[in-house]
C-alpha atoms as a PDB file:
ATOM      1  CA  MET A   1      24.490 220.560 219.263  1.00  0.00           C
ATOM      2  CA  LYS A   2      26.344 223.262 221.448  1.00  0.00           C
ATOM      3  CA  THR A   3      29.822 224.493 220.071  1.00  0.00           C
ATOM      4  CA  ARG A   4      32.181 223.250 222.760  1.00  0.00           C
ATOM      5  CA  ILE A   5      35.249 225.647 223.684  1.00  0.00           C
ATOM      6  CA  GLY A   6      37.895 224.475 225.859  1.00  0.00           C
ATOM      7  CA  VAL A   7      40.243 226.877 227.552  1.00  0.00           C
ATOM      8  CA  LEU A   8      43.690 224.939 228.344  1.00  0.00           C
ATOM      9  CA  GLY A   9      45.594 227.026 230.921  1.00  0.00           C
ATOM     10  CA  ILE A  10      43.646 229.291 233.370  1.00  0.00           C
ATOM     11  CA  GLY A  11      46.678 232.161 234.064  1.00  0.00           C
ATOM     12  CA  GLY A  12      46.606 235.661 233.386  1.00  0.00           C
ATOM     13  CA  VAL A  13      45.491 235.528 229.773  1.00  0.00           C
ATOM     14  CA  GLY A  14      43.550 232.283 229.503  1.00  0.00           C
ATOM     15  CA  GLY A  15      41.943 233.007 232.817  1.00  0.00           C
ATOM     16  CA  TYR A  16      40.822 236.625 231.949  1.00  0.00           C
ATOM     17  CA  PHE A  17      39.393 235.928 228.611  1.00  0.00           C
ATOM     18  CA  GLY A  18      38.239 232.317 229.228  1.00  0.00           C
ATOM     19  CA  GLY A  19      36.101 234.119 232.504  1.00  0.00           C
ATOM     20  CA  LEU A  20      34.784 236.537 229.877  1.00  0.00           C
ATOM     21  CA  LEU A  21      33.553 233.604 227.507  1.00  0.00           C
ATOM     22  CA  ALA A  22      32.137 231.925 230.641  1.00  0.00           C
ATOM     23  CA  GLN A  23      30.123 234.859 231.732  1.00  0.00           C
ATOM     24  CA  ALA A  24      28.807 235.384 228.158  1.00  0.00           C
ATOM     25  CA  TYR A  25      27.822 232.106 227.992  1.00  0.00           C
ATOM     26  CA  ILE A  26      26.646 230.425 231.279  1.00  0.00           C
ATOM     27  CA  ASN A  27      23.177 230.299 229.958  1.00  0.00           C
ATOM     28  CA  SER A  28      23.716 229.527 226.122  1.00  0.00           C
ATOM     29  CA  ASP A  29      22.043 226.779 224.262  1.00  0.00           C
ATOM     30  CA  THR A  30      24.574 227.159 221.478  1.00  0.00           C
ATOM     31  CA  ILE A  31      28.031 227.681 223.211  1.00  0.00           C
ATOM     32  CA  GLU A  32      29.738 225.849 226.242  1.00  0.00           C
ATOM     33  CA  ILE A  33      32.835 226.965 227.693  1.00  0.00           C
ATOM     34  CA  ILE A  34      35.057 224.294 229.565  1.00  0.00           C
ATOM     35  CA  PHE A  35      37.965 225.204 231.816  1.00  0.00           C
ATOM     36  CA  ILE A  36      40.853 222.647 231.515  1.00  0.00           C
ATOM     37  CA  ALA A  37      42.498 222.805 234.758  1.00  0.00           C
ATOM     38  CA  ARG A  38      44.195 220.882 237.615  1.00  0.00           C
ATOM     39  CA  GLY A  39      45.317 221.171 241.245  1.00  0.00           C
ATOM     40  CA  ALA A  40      44.608 224.221 243.441  1.00  0.00           C
ATOM     41  CA  THR A  41      43.354 226.231 240.403  1.00  0.00           C
ATOM     42  CA  LYS A  42      40.882 223.370 239.232  1.00  0.00           C
ATOM     43  CA  ASN A  43      39.880 222.863 243.236  1.00  0.00           C
ATOM     44  CA  SER A  44      39.060 226.587 243.512  1.00  0.00           C
ATOM     45  CA  ILE A  45      37.032 227.186 240.498  1.00  0.00           C
ATOM     46  CA  ALA A  46      34.901 224.135 241.189  1.00  0.00           C
ATOM     47  CA  GLN A  47      34.388 225.377 244.634  1.00  0.00           C
ATOM     48  CA  ASN A  48      34.139 229.055 244.114  1.00  0.00           C
ATOM     49  CA  GLY A  49      34.300 230.089 240.540  1.00  0.00           C
ATOM     50  CA  LEU A  50      36.950 231.966 238.981  1.00  0.00           C
ATOM     51  CA  LYS A  51      37.316 235.567 240.256  1.00  0.00           C
ATOM     52  CA  ILE A  52      38.393 238.361 237.860  1.00  0.00           C
ATOM     53  CA  THR A  53      39.352 241.783 239.318  1.00  0.00           C
ATOM     54  CA  THR A  54      40.180 244.541 237.456  1.00  0.00           C
ATOM     55  CA  ASP A  55      41.039 248.326 238.447  1.00  0.00           C
ATOM     56  CA  THR A  56      37.164 248.937 238.801  1.00  0.00           C
ATOM     57  CA  THR A  57      35.303 245.857 238.878  1.00  0.00           C
ATOM     58  CA  GLU A  58      35.392 242.499 240.471  1.00  0.00           C
ATOM     59  CA  SER A  59      33.181 239.447 239.039  1.00  0.00           C
ATOM     60  CA  ILE A  60      32.940 235.545 239.555  1.00  0.00           C
ATOM     61  CA  VAL A  61      32.058 233.260 236.793  1.00  0.00           C
ATOM     62  CA  PHE A  62      31.660 229.780 236.480  1.00  0.00           C
ATOM     63  CA  PRO A  63      32.532 227.819 233.431  1.00  0.00           C
ATOM     64  CA  ALA A  64      30.049 224.581 232.258  1.00  0.00           C
ATOM     65  CA  LEU A  65      32.902 222.335 233.647  1.00  0.00           C
ATOM     66  CA  VAL A  66      36.217 222.672 235.048  1.00  0.00           C
ATOM     67  CA  SER A  67      38.292 219.718 234.891  1.00  0.00           C
ATOM     68  CA  ASN A  68      41.532 218.059 233.820  1.00  0.00           C
ATOM     69  CA  ASN A  69      39.944 214.659 233.001  1.00  0.00           C
ATOM     70  CA  PRO A  70      39.549 213.884 229.082  1.00  0.00           C
ATOM     71  CA  ALA A  71      36.656 211.540 229.635  1.00  0.00           C
ATOM     72  CA  GLU A  72      35.096 214.212 231.434  1.00  0.00           C
ATOM     73  CA  ILE A  73      35.780 216.770 229.174  1.00  0.00           C
ATOM     74  CA  GLY A  74      34.861 215.128 225.741  1.00  0.00           C
ATOM     75  CA  THR A  75      35.680 216.024 222.190  1.00  0.00           C
ATOM     76  CA  LEU A  76      36.134 219.811 222.071  1.00  0.00           C
ATOM     77  CA  ASP A  77      35.110 222.020 218.695  1.00  0.00           C
ATOM     78  CA  VAL A  78      37.731 224.796 219.709  1.00  0.00           C
ATOM     79  CA  LEU A  79      40.706 224.616 222.056  1.00  0.00           C
ATOM     80  CA  ILE A  80      42.056 227.917 223.361  1.00  0.00           C
ATOM     81  CA  CYS A  81      45.540 227.166 224.426  1.00  0.00           C
ATOM     82  CA  ALA A  82      47.220 229.640 227.043  1.00  0.00           C
ATOM     83  CA  THR A  83      49.509 227.615 228.818  1.00  0.00           C
ATOM     84  CA  LYS A  84      53.152 228.593 229.022  1.00  0.00           C
ATOM     85  CA  THR A  85      55.687 227.779 225.851  1.00  0.00           C
ATOM     86  CA  TYR A  86      57.534 225.270 227.805  1.00  0.00           C
ATOM     87  CA  ASP A  87      54.527 223.409 228.545  1.00  0.00           C
ATOM     88  CA  ILE A  88      52.850 223.353 224.789  1.00  0.00           C
ATOM     89  CA  GLU A  89      53.779 219.547 224.191  1.00  0.00           C
ATOM     90  CA  ASN A  90      52.840 218.084 227.535  1.00  0.00           C
ATOM     91  CA  SER A  91      49.685 220.074 228.144  1.00  0.00           C
ATOM     92  CA  LEU A  92      48.382 219.099 224.595  1.00  0.00           C
ATOM     93  CA  ALA A  93      49.171 215.463 225.148  1.00  0.00           C
ATOM     94  CA  SER A  94      47.307 215.196 228.274  1.00  0.00           C
ATOM     95  CA  ILE A  95      43.905 216.129 226.659  1.00  0.00           C
ATOM     96  CA  LYS A  96      44.691 214.680 222.973  1.00  0.00           C
ATOM     97  CA  GLU A  97      41.833 212.388 223.333  1.00  0.00           C
ATOM     98  CA  CYS A  98      39.780 215.603 223.542  1.00  0.00           C
ATOM     99  CA  ILE A  99      40.970 216.557 219.892  1.00  0.00           C
ATOM    100  CA  ASN A 100      39.905 214.878 216.728  1.00  0.00           C
ATOM    101  CA  SER A 101      40.593 216.114 213.178  1.00  0.00           C
ATOM    102  CA  GLU A 102      38.017 218.969 213.296  1.00  0.00           C
ATOM    103  CA  THR A 103      39.024 220.858 216.360  1.00  0.00           C
ATOM    104  CA  ILE A 104      40.270 224.324 215.777  1.00  0.00           C
ATOM    105  CA  ILE A 105      43.544 224.921 217.845  1.00  0.00           C
ATOM    106  CA  PHE A 106      43.803 228.603 218.737  1.00  0.00           C
ATOM    107  CA  PRO A 107      46.995 229.392 220.546  1.00  0.00           C
ATOM    108  CA  LEU A 108      47.574 232.285 222.632  1.00  0.00           C
ATOM    109  CA  TYR A 109      51.342 232.016 223.454  1.00  0.00           C
ATOM    110  CA  ASN A 110      53.841 234.538 223.734  1.00  0.00           C
ATOM    111  CA  GLY A 111      56.433 232.923 221.541  1.00  0.00           C
ATOM    112  CA  VAL A 112      56.399 232.714 217.945  1.00  0.00           C
ATOM    113  CA  ASP A 113      56.897 228.876 217.013  1.00  0.00           C
ATOM    114  CA  ALA A 114      53.807 227.603 218.676  1.00  0.00           C
ATOM    115  CA  THR A 115      51.823 226.843 215.398  1.00  0.00           C
ATOM    116  CA  GLU A 116      54.831 224.746 213.943  1.00  0.00           C
ATOM    117  CA  ARG A 117      55.314 223.015 217.407  1.00  0.00           C
ATOM    118  CA  ILE A 118      51.549 222.222 217.477  1.00  0.00           C
ATOM    119  CA  LYS A 119      51.323 221.476 213.802  1.00  0.00           C
ATOM    120  CA  THR A 120      53.902 218.633 214.481  1.00  0.00           C
ATOM    121  CA  LEU A 121      51.630 217.146 216.956  1.00  0.00           C
ATOM    122  CA  PHE A 122      48.377 217.526 215.044  1.00  0.00           C
ATOM    123  CA  PRO A 123      49.036 217.888 211.423  1.00  0.00           C
ATOM    124  CA  LYS A 124      45.601 217.267 210.297  1.00  0.00           C
ATOM    125  CA  ASN A 125      44.036 220.189 212.345  1.00  0.00           C
ATOM    126  CA  THR A 126      43.091 223.740 211.859  1.00  0.00           C
ATOM    127  CA  ILE A 127      45.811 225.715 213.570  1.00  0.00           C
ATOM    128  CA  LEU A 128      45.339 229.679 213.865  1.00  0.00           C
ATOM    129  CA  GLN A 129      47.684 232.421 214.569  1.00  0.00           C
ATOM    130  CA  ALA A 130      47.031 234.873 217.205  1.00  0.00           C
ATOM    131  CA  CYS A 131      48.490 237.062 219.714  1.00  0.00           C
ATOM    132  CA  VAL A 132      47.288 239.394 222.819  1.00  0.00           C
ATOM    133  CA  TYR A 133      48.138 242.670 224.271  1.00  0.00           C
ATOM    134  CA  ILE A 134      46.908 242.557 227.992  1.00  0.00           C
ATOM    135  CA  VAL A 135      48.689 242.661 231.825  1.00  0.00           C
ATOM    136  CA  SER A 136      47.058 240.397 233.491  1.00  0.00           C
ATOM    137  CA  MET A 137      48.359 237.814 236.104  1.00  0.00           C
ATOM    138  CA  ILE A 138      47.684 234.876 238.667  1.00  0.00           C
ATOM    139  CA  GLU A 139      46.786 236.469 242.126  1.00  0.00           C
ATOM    140  CA  SER A 140      46.086 233.341 243.713  1.00  0.00           C
ATOM    141  CA  PRO A 141      44.706 229.862 242.452  1.00  0.00           C
ATOM    142  CA  GLY A 142      41.333 230.779 240.671  1.00  0.00           C
ATOM    143  CA  VAL A 143      41.771 234.604 241.196  1.00  0.00           C
ATOM    144  CA  ILE A 144      43.043 236.592 237.776  1.00  0.00           C
ATOM    145  CA  LYS A 145      44.208 240.454 238.463  1.00  0.00           C
ATOM    146  CA  LYS A 146      43.919 242.336 235.330  1.00  0.00           C
ATOM    147  CA  ILE A 147      45.780 245.789 235.325  1.00  0.00           C
ATOM    148  CA  GLY A 148      45.151 248.729 233.218  1.00  0.00           C
ATOM    149  CA  ALA A 149      42.151 249.341 230.203  1.00  0.00           C
ATOM    150  CA  TYR A 150      44.393 248.116 227.448  1.00  0.00           C
ATOM    151  CA  GLU A 151      43.510 244.656 226.096  1.00  0.00           C
ATOM    152  CA  LYS A 152      43.562 243.623 222.521  1.00  0.00           C
ATOM    153  CA  LEU A 153      43.398 240.110 220.612  1.00  0.00           C
ATOM    154  CA  PHE A 154      44.179 239.650 217.111  1.00  0.00           C
ATOM    155  CA  LEU A 155      43.838 236.506 215.306  1.00  0.00           C
ATOM    156  CA  GLY A 156      44.146 235.306 211.433  1.00  0.00           C
ATOM    157  CA  SER A 157      45.415 232.346 209.538  1.00  0.00           C
ATOM    158  CA  SER A 158      46.849 231.994 206.082  1.00  0.00           C
ATOM    159  CA  THR A 159      44.740 228.999 205.330  1.00  0.00           C
ATOM    160  CA  VAL A 160      41.525 229.291 207.126  1.00  0.00           C
ATOM    161  CA  PRO A 161      38.563 230.680 204.931  1.00  0.00           C
ATOM    162  CA  ILE A 162      37.609 234.237 206.305  1.00  0.00           C
ATOM    163  CA  SER A 163      34.149 232.753 206.969  1.00  0.00           C
ATOM    164  CA  LYS A 164      35.588 230.288 209.557  1.00  0.00           C
ATOM    165  CA  LEU A 165      37.330 233.217 211.493  1.00  0.00           C
ATOM    166  CA  GLU A 166      34.352 235.431 211.555  1.00  0.00           C
ATOM    167  CA  VAL A 167      32.342 232.869 213.298  1.00  0.00           C
ATOM    168  CA  LEU A 168      34.899 232.595 215.725  1.00  0.00           C
ATOM    169  CA  GLN A 169      35.247 236.596 216.241  1.00  0.00           C
ATOM    170  CA  SER A 170      31.747 236.953 216.710  1.00  0.00           C
ATOM    171  CA  ILE A 171      31.624 234.450 219.786  1.00  0.00           C
ATOM    172  CA  PHE A 172      34.481 236.822 221.196  1.00  0.00           C
ATOM    173  CA  THR A 173      32.773 240.132 220.432  1.00  0.00           C
ATOM    174  CA  HIS A 174      29.646 238.738 221.922  1.00  0.00           C
ATOM    175  CA  ALA A 175      31.648 238.327 225.214  1.00  0.00           C
ATOM    176  CA  LYS A 176      33.138 241.682 224.988  1.00  0.00           C
ATOM    177  CA  ILE A 177      36.378 240.850 224.042  1.00  0.00           C
ATOM    178  CA  GLU A 178      38.081 243.247 221.697  1.00  0.00           C
ATOM    179  CA  SER A 179      39.408 241.266 218.682  1.00  0.00           C
ATOM    180  CA  TYR A 180      40.620 241.843 215.111  1.00  0.00           C
ATOM    181  CA  LEU A 181      41.079 239.642 212.222  1.00  0.00           C
ATOM    182  CA  VAL A 182      44.498 240.231 210.593  1.00  0.00           C
ATOM    183  CA  GLU A 183      45.372 239.396 206.962  1.00  0.00           C
ATOM    184  CA  ASN A 184      48.941 239.508 207.655  1.00  0.00           C
ATOM    185  CA  ILE A 185      48.893 237.833 211.050  1.00  0.00           C
ATOM    186  CA  GLU A 186      52.473 236.604 210.934  1.00  0.00           C
ATOM    187  CA  GLU A 187      53.592 240.252 210.730  1.00  0.00           C
ATOM    188  CA  THR A 188      51.191 240.919 214.027  1.00  0.00           C
ATOM    189  CA  VAL A 189      52.563 237.915 216.148  1.00  0.00           C
ATOM    190  CA  TRP A 190      56.069 239.177 215.213  1.00  0.00           C
ATOM    191  CA  GLU A 191      55.422 242.615 216.395  1.00  0.00           C
ATOM    192  CA  LYS A 192      54.163 241.118 219.483  1.00  0.00           C
ATOM    193  CA  PHE A 193      56.846 239.086 220.127  1.00  0.00           C
ATOM    194  CA  ILE A 194      59.599 241.857 219.266  1.00  0.00           C
ATOM    195  CA  PHE A 195      57.687 243.787 221.936  1.00  0.00           C
ATOM    196  CA  ILE A 196      57.585 241.029 224.670  1.00  0.00           C
ATOM    197  CA  SER A 197      60.995 239.225 224.005  1.00  0.00           C
ATOM    198  CA  ALA A 198      62.690 242.461 224.545  1.00  0.00           C
ATOM    199  CA  LEU A 199      61.039 243.352 227.498  1.00  0.00           C
ATOM    200  CA  ALA A 200      60.989 239.868 229.248  1.00  0.00           C
ATOM    201  CA  SER A 201      64.753 239.581 228.505  1.00  0.00           C
ATOM    202  CA  ALA A 202      65.707 242.944 229.807  1.00  0.00           C
ATOM    203  CA  THR A 203      63.475 242.898 232.868  1.00  0.00           C
ATOM    204  CA  SER A 204      64.441 239.459 234.124  1.00  0.00           C
ATOM    205  CA  TYR A 205      68.262 240.536 233.208  1.00  0.00           C
ATOM    206  CA  LEU A 206      68.115 243.461 235.092  1.00  0.00           C
ATOM    207  CA  ASN A 207      65.606 242.934 237.726  1.00  0.00           C
ATOM    208  CA  GLU A 208      63.812 246.189 236.801  1.00  0.00           C
ATOM    209  CA  ASN A 209      60.083 246.771 235.894  1.00  0.00           C
ATOM    210  CA  ILE A 210      59.127 248.944 233.127  1.00  0.00           C
ATOM    211  CA  GLY A 211      60.034 252.235 234.505  1.00  0.00           C
ATOM    212  CA  GLY A 212      63.485 251.001 235.540  1.00  0.00           C
ATOM    213  CA  ILE A 213      64.100 250.156 231.813  1.00  0.00           C
ATOM    214  CA  LEU A 214      62.758 253.469 230.328  1.00  0.00           C
ATOM    215  CA  ASN A 215      64.101 255.882 232.997  1.00  0.00           C
ATOM    216  CA  ASN A 216      67.593 254.776 233.228  1.00  0.00           C
ATOM    217  CA  PRO A 217      69.686 255.665 230.072  1.00  0.00           C
ATOM    218  CA  SER A 218      72.014 252.588 230.277  1.00  0.00           C
ATOM    219  CA  ASN A 219      69.028 250.027 230.821  1.00  0.00           C
ATOM    220  CA  LYS A 220      67.340 251.564 227.908  1.00  0.00           C
ATOM    221  CA  GLU A 221      70.186 251.608 225.712  1.00  0.00           C
ATOM    222  CA  LEU A 222      70.530 247.763 226.347  1.00  0.00           C
ATOM    223  CA  TYR A 223      66.598 247.534 225.708  1.00  0.00           C
ATOM    224  CA  ILE A 224      66.835 249.264 222.369  1.00  0.00           C
ATOM    225  CA  SER A 225      69.912 247.109 221.526  1.00  0.00           C
ATOM    226  CA  LEU A 226      67.713 243.945 221.689  1.00  0.00           C
ATOM    227  CA  LEU A 227      65.048 245.077 219.677  1.00  0.00           C
ATOM    228  CA  ASN A 228      67.802 246.060 217.046  1.00  0.00           C
ATOM    229  CA  GLU A 229      68.962 242.505 217.186  1.00  0.00           C
ATOM    230  CA  ILE A 230      65.740 240.565 217.063  1.00  0.00           C
ATOM    231  CA  SER A 231      64.328 243.012 214.449  1.00  0.00           C
ATOM    232  CA  ASN A 232      67.482 241.924 212.180  1.00  0.00           C
ATOM    233  CA  VAL A 233      66.694 238.384 212.921  1.00  0.00           C
ATOM    234  CA  ALA A 234      62.874 238.854 211.739  1.00  0.00           C
ATOM    235  CA  LEU A 235      63.914 240.570 208.920  1.00  0.00           C
ATOM    236  CA  ALA A 236      66.457 237.651 207.842  1.00  0.00           C
ATOM    237  CA  LYS A 237      63.740 235.103 208.323  1.00  0.00           C
ATOM    238  CA  GLY A 238      61.696 237.013 205.493  1.00  0.00           C
ATOM    239  CA  VAL A 239      59.008 238.506 208.277  1.00  0.00           C
ATOM    240  CA  LYS A 240      57.500 241.624 206.841  1.00  0.00           C
ATOM    241  CA  LEU A 241      57.961 244.748 209.725  1.00  0.00           C
ATOM    242  CA  PRO A 242      57.021 248.545 209.431  1.00  0.00           C
ATOM    243  CA  ASN A 243      60.173 250.415 208.913  1.00  0.00           C
ATOM    244  CA  ASP A 244      59.611 252.094 212.273  1.00  0.00           C
ATOM    245  CA  ILE A 245      59.039 248.896 214.404  1.00  0.00           C
ATOM    246  CA  ILE A 246      61.944 249.958 216.826  1.00  0.00           C
ATOM    247  CA  THR A 247      60.002 253.228 217.497  1.00  0.00           C
ATOM    248  CA  GLN A 248      56.519 251.691 217.265  1.00  0.00           C
ATOM    249  CA  THR A 249      57.770 249.399 220.200  1.00  0.00           C
ATOM    250  CA  ILE A 250      59.194 251.933 222.336  1.00  0.00           C
ATOM    251  CA  THR A 251      56.022 254.041 222.052  1.00  0.00           C
ATOM    252  CA  LYS A 252      54.004 251.044 222.971  1.00  0.00           C
ATOM    253  CA  LEU A 253      56.349 250.264 225.971  1.00  0.00           C
ATOM    254  CA  GLU A 254      56.116 253.970 227.247  1.00  0.00           C
ATOM    255  CA  LYS A 255      52.202 253.750 227.350  1.00  0.00           C
ATOM    256  CA  THR A 256      52.259 250.506 229.409  1.00  0.00           C
ATOM    257  CA  PRO A 257      52.097 251.293 233.312  1.00  0.00           C
ATOM    258  CA  HIS A 258      55.740 251.659 234.377  1.00  0.00           C
ATOM    259  CA  ASN A 259      55.247 249.929 237.708  1.00  0.00           C
ATOM    260  CA  ASN A 260      54.621 246.733 235.508  1.00  0.00           C
ATOM    261  CA  THR A 261      56.880 244.147 234.403  1.00  0.00           C
ATOM    262  CA  SER A 262      56.967 240.918 232.485  1.00  0.00           C
ATOM    263  CA  SER A 263      55.523 237.674 233.343  1.00  0.00           C
ATOM    264  CA  MET A 264      59.010 235.956 232.525  1.00  0.00           C
ATOM    265  CA  HIS A 265      60.239 238.518 235.343  1.00  0.00           C
ATOM    266  CA  ARG A 266      57.831 237.645 237.628  1.00  0.00           C
ATOM    267  CA  ASP A 267      58.544 234.058 237.123  1.00  0.00           C
ATOM    268  CA  PHE A 268      62.248 234.508 237.934  1.00  0.00           C
ATOM    269  CA  LEU A 269      61.210 236.674 241.212  1.00  0.00           C
ATOM    270  CA  ALA A 270      58.973 233.597 242.287  1.00  0.00           C
ATOM    271  CA  GLY A 271      61.320 230.927 241.516  1.00  0.00           C
ATOM    272  CA  ASN A 272      58.929 229.299 239.011  1.00  0.00           C
ATOM    273  CA  ILE A 273      59.854 227.678 235.470  1.00  0.00           C
ATOM    274  CA  THR A 274      60.128 230.633 233.043  1.00  0.00           C
ATOM    275  CA  GLU A 275      59.805 230.797 229.215  1.00  0.00           C
ATOM    276  CA  VAL A 276      63.553 231.932 228.587  1.00  0.00           C
ATOM    277  CA  LYS A 277      64.003 229.486 225.941  1.00  0.00           C
ATOM    278  CA  SER A 278      60.992 230.703 223.824  1.00  0.00           C
ATOM    279  CA  LEU A 279      61.536 234.315 224.684  1.00  0.00           C
ATOM    280  CA  THR A 280      65.323 234.918 224.653  1.00  0.00           C
ATOM    281  CA  GLY A 281      66.851 231.537 223.523  1.00  0.00           C
ATOM    282  CA  TYR A 282      64.689 231.462 220.208  1.00  0.00           C
ATOM    283  CA  VAL A 283      66.254 234.835 218.972  1.00  0.00           C
ATOM    284  CA  VAL A 284      69.866 233.482 219.726  1.00  0.00           C
ATOM    285  CA  VAL A 285      69.098 230.102 217.904  1.00  0.00           C
ATOM    286  CA  GLU A 286      67.161 231.732 214.962  1.00  0.00           C
ATOM    287  CA  GLY A 287      70.245 234.181 214.794  1.00  0.00           C
ATOM    288  CA  PHE A 288      72.916 231.703 214.358  1.00  0.00           C
ATOM    289  CA  LYS A 289      70.935 229.893 212.010  1.00  0.00           C
ATOM    290  CA  TYR A 290      70.487 232.971 209.595  1.00  0.00           C
ATOM    291  CA  GLY A 291      73.644 234.671 210.566  1.00  0.00           C
ATOM    292  CA  ILE A 292      72.738 237.463 212.353  1.00  0.00           C
ATOM    293  CA  PRO A 293      74.743 238.669 215.622  1.00  0.00           C
ATOM    294  CA  THR A 294      72.688 238.784 218.796  1.00  0.00           C
ATOM    295  CA  PRO A 295      75.467 239.428 221.474  1.00  0.00           C
ATOM    296  CA  ASN A 296      72.795 241.401 223.841  1.00  0.00           C
ATOM    297  CA  TYR A 297      70.579 238.431 223.523  1.00  0.00           C
ATOM    298  CA  GLN A 298      73.407 235.951 224.018  1.00  0.00           C
ATOM    299  CA  LEU A 299      74.764 237.628 227.255  1.00  0.00           C
ATOM    300  CA  ILE A 300      71.485 237.710 228.852  1.00  0.00           C
ATOM    301  CA  LEU A 301      70.747 234.005 227.785  1.00  0.00           C
ATOM    302  CA  ASN A 302      73.783 233.172 229.242  1.00  0.00           C
ATOM    303  CA  GLU A 303      72.995 234.827 232.448  1.00  0.00           C
ATOM    304  CA  LEU A 304      69.733 233.773 232.936  1.00  0.00           C
ATOM    305  CA  THR A 305      70.243 230.211 231.963  1.00  0.00           C
ATOM    306  CA  ASN A 306      72.662 230.193 234.870  1.00  0.00           C
ATOM    307  CA  ASN A 307      70.538 231.978 237.114  1.00  0.00           C
ATOM    308  CA  LYS A 308      73.218 234.765 237.919  1.00  0.00           C
ATOM    309  CA  LYS A 309      70.512 237.356 238.122  1.00  0.00           C
END
């Protein structure tokens, strides 16, 4: 019996990592990779394969199946979820027939509440925690563009045996995905959330790329104030963070190509639905819950929600 791995959401993250998996296991007798996609993305991949471009390479990969029909997809052993956070419930509901109590659900979202939200839908399932660092995006339906060499995937669980995690990691390693098992995965996920939440909020509000944040003193001051607010919220929630989390985050941003921006900013510019509720609003809500002031997050949330920027 093959291990059947579904990738839900063939965007920048799901498309890139799903593409590496499909390429590695195209002729495998033990692993089957299925892309769960619809519309123009599904049609393009079915006809032409998934095209992945990097700074130096270009490749076209074909999964074993690309479909959004649960009857075609069948039961999955592992489900990698990489949609936007606003689509968690609807996307999972659309393929609930493919998920049984043994299906391992592996969320790759920008937010920090995905595991809890999925657990509400599938209380009997194993749900991992994970985060990724990568700059990748949809260039057109069925075409994923990855910028820069940096790509890392972190995964872990407070309840799943390490042996089960090692099996999953070995699947990634064979596909040349740089992945790490993390004991304190909640801390790692929050470190990523602090990075992406402040960046998404600042770039979208200021309508600037990373260089425009770092090289403008007032913009950088706002960005650092966001880092302070979200770090205080995390500490109030009991998340253990490095003492120098703000310095670490700024250093991480400085190493990111300065002409890049956040995916949320790109969505605002394109007029798409955004993840402002999960990336900005969540901090305001949790701050209120724990009595932590978040005035700059509140300001940005008000502006972005009212589409004034």
